[in-house]
C-alpha cells in the first residue's frame, strides 16, 4: 500500500505543478462564471424580476447566483478527473512506462496509483471550488446553507468526482500523445457546460435537445446539487407560487425528466455508482494493456 500511496503522491505533485493542466481542468467552470458575471447574469435577473415583481432584486440575484455556482461545482467534479490524467499521458508519451516496467513495482499498483490520483485530484479541486462558492454566495448575496445541505451537496459531488474520474481514466487510456490529450481537454471543457445544462437553462432548448441532455449523466449528476443549493433562494423568490416554482425547477434543470419519467436522486446515485465501478475496471484493463 505504501508503494501505491507513493505513486499517487508523485502523480498529485506532477499535476499541481502543471499550471496549464490545472487551468484546463477548470475551463468549463471558468467559462460559466465569466459568462454569467459579465454577460448573462444581469439578463437572467431582469427577466426573473419581471416574472416575479414581488421579489426583491437581491432575492432574484441570490437565486441566479446559487444556480450558477451549483453548475460550477458540478462541472468541476466532472472535469478535474480528466485533468489529473495528464500525468498518465505524459508518462506514456515520454516513455516513462519502460522505466516502471524494469522496476520492481507491480503493474496493479502502478494502475491503482493513476486511478486513485485522478479521484483525489477531482475531490481536492471540487472541495476548493465548493468552499469558494459558499464564501462568495454568503459575502455577495447573503445566502447561507445549513450543515445538512452542505453535507448532502458534498456527498453527491464526491460520488460524481469518483464516477467521472473513472470515466476520464478510461477515455484517456486510449490517448497516446500530449497533443491529442490537449485537444480532448479543450473540447470537453468547452462543450460540457451545454451537456450539463449550465451555460443555458435546459428549458430554453428545444424539447428533443432537452430530452437528450437530460438522458446524459453529466446533466443528471448536476440535478441533486442544484436542488440543494437553490432550495432556499428559489423559495425566497417565488415561494408563494407553487406552480411557478415547479416551472422554474424544470426550466433551470433543478429537476429533470425523460418523457413522463422524472429522474430521482436515487437513480442518479445508482448511475454514478455503476459508472464508478464499471469504468474503473475498464480503465484498469486498458491501462494494463498500455503498460504491458
Protein backbone atom coordinates (compact mmCIF):
# COMPACT_ATOMS: atom_id res chain seq x y z
CA UNK A 1 0.00 0.00 0.00
CA UNK A 2 2.91 2.34 0.67
CA UNK A 3 4.00 1.95 -2.96
CA UNK A 4 0.52 2.93 -4.18
CA UNK A 5 0.48 5.98 -1.90
CA UNK A 6 3.94 6.98 -3.10
CA UNK A 7 2.87 6.72 -6.74
CA UNK A 8 -0.32 8.64 -6.01
CA UNK A 9 1.63 11.37 -4.22
CA UNK A 10 4.01 11.60 -7.17
CA UNK A 11 1.11 11.95 -9.61
CA UNK A 12 -0.53 14.63 -7.46
CA UNK A 13 2.68 16.67 -7.32
CA UNK A 14 3.10 16.46 -11.09
CA UNK A 15 -0.49 17.52 -11.70
CA UNK A 16 -0.45 20.57 -9.44
CA UNK A 17 2.96 21.57 -10.77
CA UNK A 18 1.45 21.87 -14.25
CA UNK A 19 -0.48 25.12 -14.05
CA UNK A 20 -1.81 24.81 -17.60
CA UNK A 21 -3.22 21.39 -16.79
CA UNK A 22 -4.93 22.75 -13.70
CA UNK A 23 -6.35 25.60 -15.79
CA UNK A 24 -7.79 23.27 -18.43
CA UNK A 25 -9.41 21.13 -15.73
CA UNK A 26 -11.30 24.23 -14.58
CA UNK A 27 -12.00 25.64 -18.04
CA UNK A 28 -15.74 24.88 -18.11
CA UNK A 29 -16.24 26.31 -14.62
CA UNK A 30 -14.33 29.47 -15.54
CA UNK A 31 -16.31 29.90 -18.75
CA UNK A 32 -19.59 29.57 -16.84
CA UNK A 33 -18.52 32.08 -14.17
CA UNK A 34 -17.39 34.65 -16.75
CA UNK A 35 -20.49 34.18 -18.91
CA UNK A 36 -22.86 34.93 -16.05
CA UNK A 37 -20.72 37.55 -14.32
CA UNK A 38 -20.04 39.59 -17.45
CA UNK A 39 -22.97 38.87 -19.77
CA UNK A 40 -25.85 36.54 -18.93
CA UNK A 41 -26.37 37.10 -15.22
CA UNK A 42 -27.91 40.56 -15.41
CA UNK A 43 -30.27 39.43 -18.19
CA UNK A 44 -31.45 36.48 -16.12
CA UNK A 45 -32.04 38.75 -13.14
CA UNK A 46 -34.03 41.26 -15.22
CA UNK A 47 -36.19 38.55 -16.79
CA UNK A 48 -36.96 36.91 -13.45
CA UNK A 49 -37.62 40.30 -11.86
CA UNK A 50 -40.34 40.91 -14.44
CA UNK A 51 -41.85 37.48 -13.79
CA UNK A 52 -41.75 37.93 -10.01
CA UNK A 53 -42.30 41.63 -9.30
CA UNK A 54 -42.94 40.86 -5.64
CA UNK A 55 -39.40 39.56 -5.19
CA UNK A 56 -36.55 41.94 -4.44
CA UNK A 57 -33.57 42.24 -6.75
CA UNK A 58 -31.39 40.67 -4.04
CA UNK A 59 -33.66 37.62 -3.85
CA UNK A 60 -33.66 37.19 -7.61
CA UNK A 61 -29.89 37.61 -7.84
CA UNK A 62 -29.48 35.17 -4.98
CA UNK A 63 -31.36 32.51 -6.94
CA UNK A 64 -29.43 33.15 -10.17
CA UNK A 65 -26.09 33.03 -8.34
CA UNK A 66 -26.87 29.86 -6.41
CA UNK A 67 -27.97 28.19 -9.65
CA UNK A 68 -24.79 29.37 -11.38
CA UNK A 69 -22.48 28.14 -8.61
CA UNK A 70 -24.31 24.82 -8.44
CA UNK A 71 -23.37 24.43 -12.10
CA UNK A 72 -19.79 25.49 -11.42
CA UNK A 73 -19.14 22.96 -8.66
CA UNK A 74 -20.96 20.28 -10.64
CA UNK A 75 -18.82 20.88 -13.72
CA UNK A 76 -15.65 20.95 -11.61
CA UNK A 77 -16.43 17.49 -10.24
CA UNK A 78 -16.64 16.21 -13.82
CA UNK A 79 -13.65 17.87 -15.50
CA UNK A 80 -10.90 17.76 -12.88
CA UNK A 81 -10.54 13.99 -13.05
CA UNK A 82 -9.80 14.37 -16.76
CA UNK A 83 -7.16 16.98 -15.95
CA UNK A 84 -5.46 14.64 -13.49
CA UNK A 85 -4.92 12.02 -16.22
CA UNK A 86 -2.46 14.38 -17.91
CA UNK A 87 0.24 12.66 -15.84
CA UNK A 88 -0.65 9.31 -17.40
CA UNK A 89 -0.45 10.75 -20.92
CA UNK A 90 2.92 12.37 -20.23
CA UNK A 91 4.31 9.14 -18.78
CA UNK A 92 3.16 7.28 -21.87
CA UNK A 93 4.45 9.86 -24.37
CA UNK A 94 7.83 10.27 -22.65
CA UNK A 95 8.48 6.54 -22.35
CA UNK A 96 8.49 6.50 -18.56
CA UNK A 97 6.42 3.33 -18.72
CA UNK A 98 9.59 1.49 -19.75
CA UNK A 99 11.29 2.70 -16.58
CA UNK A 100 8.38 1.48 -14.49
CA UNK A 101 8.41 -1.90 -16.22
CA UNK A 102 12.03 -2.61 -15.30
CA UNK A 103 11.43 -1.56 -11.68
CA UNK A 104 10.06 -3.91 -9.00
CA UNK A 105 6.72 -2.06 -9.00
CA UNK A 106 3.82 -4.35 -9.77
CA UNK A 107 1.57 -3.26 -12.61
CA UNK A 108 -1.52 -3.40 -10.39
CA UNK A 109 -0.01 -0.85 -8.01
CA UNK A 110 1.02 1.42 -10.87
CA UNK A 111 -2.51 1.32 -12.29
CA UNK A 112 -4.03 1.97 -8.87
CA UNK A 113 -1.73 4.95 -8.43
CA UNK A 114 -3.08 6.61 -11.58
CA UNK A 115 -6.72 5.86 -10.80
CA UNK A 116 -6.55 7.00 -7.17
CA UNK A 117 -4.70 10.20 -8.04
CA UNK A 118 -7.42 11.10 -10.59
CA UNK A 119 -10.13 10.66 -7.96
CA UNK A 120 -8.18 12.55 -5.30
CA UNK A 121 -7.44 15.46 -7.63
CA UNK A 122 -11.14 15.70 -8.51
CA UNK A 123 -12.08 15.68 -4.80
CA UNK A 124 -9.48 18.30 -3.87
CA UNK A 125 -10.34 20.69 -6.70
CA UNK A 126 -14.09 20.29 -6.20
CA UNK A 127 -13.76 20.89 -2.45
CA UNK A 128 -11.79 24.09 -3.04
CA UNK A 129 -14.28 25.37 -5.64
CA UNK A 130 -17.22 24.49 -3.37
CA UNK A 131 -15.68 26.43 -0.46
CA UNK A 132 -15.04 29.45 -2.71
CA UNK A 133 -18.63 29.25 -3.99
CA UNK A 134 -20.12 29.12 -0.49
CA UNK A 135 -18.00 32.05 0.66
CA UNK A 136 -18.93 34.10 -2.43
CA UNK A 137 -22.64 33.42 -2.00
CA UNK A 138 -22.50 34.39 1.66
CA UNK A 139 -20.46 37.57 1.22
CA UNK A 140 -22.02 38.84 -2.03
CA UNK A 141 -25.61 37.56 -1.86
CA UNK A 142 -26.08 36.88 1.84
CA UNK A 143 -27.03 33.26 1.03
CA UNK A 144 -26.05 30.64 3.58
CA UNK A 145 -26.66 26.92 3.89
CA UNK A 146 -27.39 24.55 6.73
CA UNK A 147 -24.69 21.98 7.58
CA UNK A 148 -27.01 19.22 6.39
CA UNK A 149 -27.41 20.89 3.00
CA UNK A 150 -23.65 21.28 2.60
CA UNK A 151 -23.10 17.64 3.59
CA UNK A 152 -25.69 16.47 1.05
CA UNK A 153 -24.16 18.59 -1.71
CA UNK A 154 -20.67 17.35 -0.90
CA UNK A 155 -21.82 13.73 -0.84
CA UNK A 156 -23.26 13.99 -4.34
CA UNK A 157 -20.17 15.86 -5.56
CA UNK A 158 -17.81 13.26 -4.09
CA UNK A 159 -19.68 10.46 -5.84
CA UNK A 160 -19.66 12.49 -9.05
CA UNK A 161 -15.89 13.00 -8.72
CA UNK A 162 -15.26 9.26 -8.44
CA UNK A 163 -17.61 8.34 -11.29
CA UNK A 164 -16.30 10.87 -13.79
CA UNK A 165 -12.67 10.34 -12.77
CA UNK A 166 -13.18 6.68 -13.67
CA UNK A 167 -14.83 7.65 -16.98
CA UNK A 168 -11.99 10.08 -17.74
CA UNK A 169 -9.36 7.46 -16.94
CA UNK A 170 -10.99 5.04 -19.35
CA UNK A 171 -11.24 7.61 -22.16
CA UNK A 172 -7.69 8.92 -21.67
CA UNK A 173 -6.30 5.38 -21.60
CA UNK A 174 -6.76 5.41 -25.40
CA UNK A 175 -4.94 8.74 -25.85
CA UNK A 176 -1.27 8.39 -26.82
CA UNK A 177 0.03 11.92 -27.40
CA UNK A 178 0.04 15.17 -25.44
CA UNK A 179 -1.45 16.98 -28.43
CA UNK A 180 -4.42 14.64 -28.59
CA UNK A 181 -4.94 14.98 -24.86
CA UNK A 182 -4.86 18.80 -25.05
CA UNK A 183 -7.42 18.74 -27.87
CA UNK A 184 -9.64 16.39 -25.87
CA UNK A 185 -9.43 18.59 -22.76
CA UNK A 186 -10.26 21.73 -24.75
CA UNK A 187 -13.26 20.13 -26.45
CA UNK A 188 -14.62 18.65 -23.22
CA UNK A 189 -14.04 21.85 -21.30
CA UNK A 190 -15.90 23.86 -23.92
CA UNK A 191 -18.98 21.73 -24.53
CA UNK A 192 -19.51 20.25 -21.07
CA UNK A 193 -21.38 23.32 -19.84
CA UNK A 194 -24.03 22.72 -22.50
CA UNK A 195 -24.25 18.98 -21.79
CA UNK A 196 -24.66 19.67 -18.06
CA UNK A 197 -27.32 22.32 -18.69
CA UNK A 198 -25.20 25.02 -17.06
CA UNK A 199 -24.43 27.57 -19.78
CA UNK A 200 -28.04 27.81 -20.91
CA UNK A 201 -31.06 26.67 -18.87
CA UNK A 202 -32.34 23.44 -20.41
CA UNK A 203 -35.82 24.94 -20.54
CA UNK A 204 -34.61 27.33 -23.24
CA UNK A 205 -33.70 24.43 -25.53
CA UNK A 206 -35.98 22.54 -27.95
CA UNK A 207 -37.79 19.56 -26.43
CA UNK A 208 -35.75 16.99 -28.33
CA UNK A 209 -32.43 18.51 -27.32
CA UNK A 210 -33.63 18.83 -23.72
CA UNK A 211 -34.57 15.15 -23.60
CA UNK A 212 -31.16 14.11 -24.91
CA UNK A 213 -29.33 16.31 -22.39
CA UNK A 214 -31.49 15.03 -19.52
CA UNK A 215 -30.58 11.47 -20.52
CA UNK A 216 -26.84 12.16 -20.14
CA UNK A 217 -25.08 11.53 -16.80
CA UNK A 218 -23.46 14.99 -16.94
CA UNK A 219 -26.85 16.64 -16.55
CA UNK A 220 -28.19 14.05 -14.14
CA UNK A 221 -25.24 14.43 -11.77
CA UNK A 222 -25.88 18.18 -11.55
CA UNK A 223 -29.56 17.88 -10.63
CA UNK A 224 -29.23 16.92 -6.92
CA UNK A 225 -26.59 19.62 -6.39
CA UNK A 226 -28.86 22.26 -7.91
CA UNK A 227 -31.80 21.08 -5.83
CA UNK A 228 -29.93 21.57 -2.56
CA UNK A 229 -28.13 24.80 -3.44
CA UNK A 230 -31.17 26.59 -4.90
CA UNK A 231 -33.81 25.30 -2.46
CA UNK A 232 -33.84 28.33 -0.13
CA UNK A 233 -33.16 31.03 -2.73
CA UNK A 234 -35.89 29.70 -5.04
CA UNK A 235 -38.34 29.58 -2.15
CA UNK A 236 -37.44 33.16 -1.18
CA UNK A 237 -38.01 34.39 -4.72
CA UNK A 238 -41.20 32.52 -5.61
CA UNK A 239 -42.28 30.60 -2.55
CA UNK A 240 -45.90 31.76 -2.63
CA UNK A 241 -46.39 30.45 -6.17
CA UNK A 242 -46.01 26.63 -6.16
CA UNK A 243 -46.80 26.36 -9.86
CA UNK A 244 -44.12 28.88 -10.71
CA UNK A 245 -41.61 27.07 -8.51
CA UNK A 246 -42.21 23.78 -10.34
CA UNK A 247 -41.90 25.51 -13.72
CA UNK A 248 -38.64 27.21 -12.75
CA UNK A 249 -37.22 23.93 -11.48
CA UNK A 250 -37.86 22.36 -14.85
CA UNK A 251 -36.56 25.32 -16.84
CA UNK A 252 -33.32 25.65 -14.86
CA UNK A 253 -32.59 21.93 -14.68
CA UNK A 254 -33.26 21.69 -10.95
CA UNK A 255 -35.48 18.77 -11.83
CA UNK A 256 -35.11 16.64 -14.94
CA UNK A 257 -37.23 14.13 -16.77
CA UNK A 258 -37.18 11.89 -19.80
CA UNK A 259 -40.66 11.89 -21.25
CA UNK A 260 -43.07 11.36 -18.37
CA UNK A 261 -40.44 9.79 -16.11
CA UNK A 262 -38.79 12.09 -13.59
CA UNK A 263 -35.16 11.45 -12.74
CA UNK A 264 -34.85 10.85 -8.99
CA UNK A 265 -31.85 11.32 -6.74
CA UNK A 266 -31.82 7.58 -6.07
CA UNK A 267 -31.50 6.94 -9.78
CA UNK A 268 -28.61 9.43 -10.00
CA UNK A 269 -26.79 7.69 -7.15
CA UNK A 270 -27.25 4.31 -8.88
CA UNK A 271 -25.99 5.63 -12.23
CA UNK A 272 -22.90 7.28 -10.71
CA UNK A 273 -22.09 4.21 -8.61
CA UNK A 274 -22.33 1.92 -11.63
CA UNK A 275 -20.18 4.32 -13.65
CA UNK A 276 -17.52 4.40 -10.93
CA UNK A 277 -17.30 0.60 -10.73
CA UNK A 278 -17.58 -0.25 -14.43
CA UNK A 279 -15.25 2.43 -15.78
CA UNK A 280 -12.68 1.82 -13.05
CA UNK A 281 -12.47 -1.83 -14.13
CA UNK A 282 -12.39 -0.93 -17.83
CA UNK A 283 -9.75 1.75 -17.30
CA UNK A 284 -7.60 -0.63 -15.26
CA UNK A 285 -7.75 -3.26 -18.02
CA UNK A 286 -6.92 -0.76 -20.75
CA UNK A 287 -4.06 0.85 -18.80
CA UNK A 288 -2.66 -2.61 -18.10
CA UNK A 289 -2.57 -3.26 -21.86
CA UNK A 290 -0.80 0.05 -22.44
CA UNK A 291 1.98 -0.58 -19.94
CA UNK A 292 2.39 -4.31 -20.61
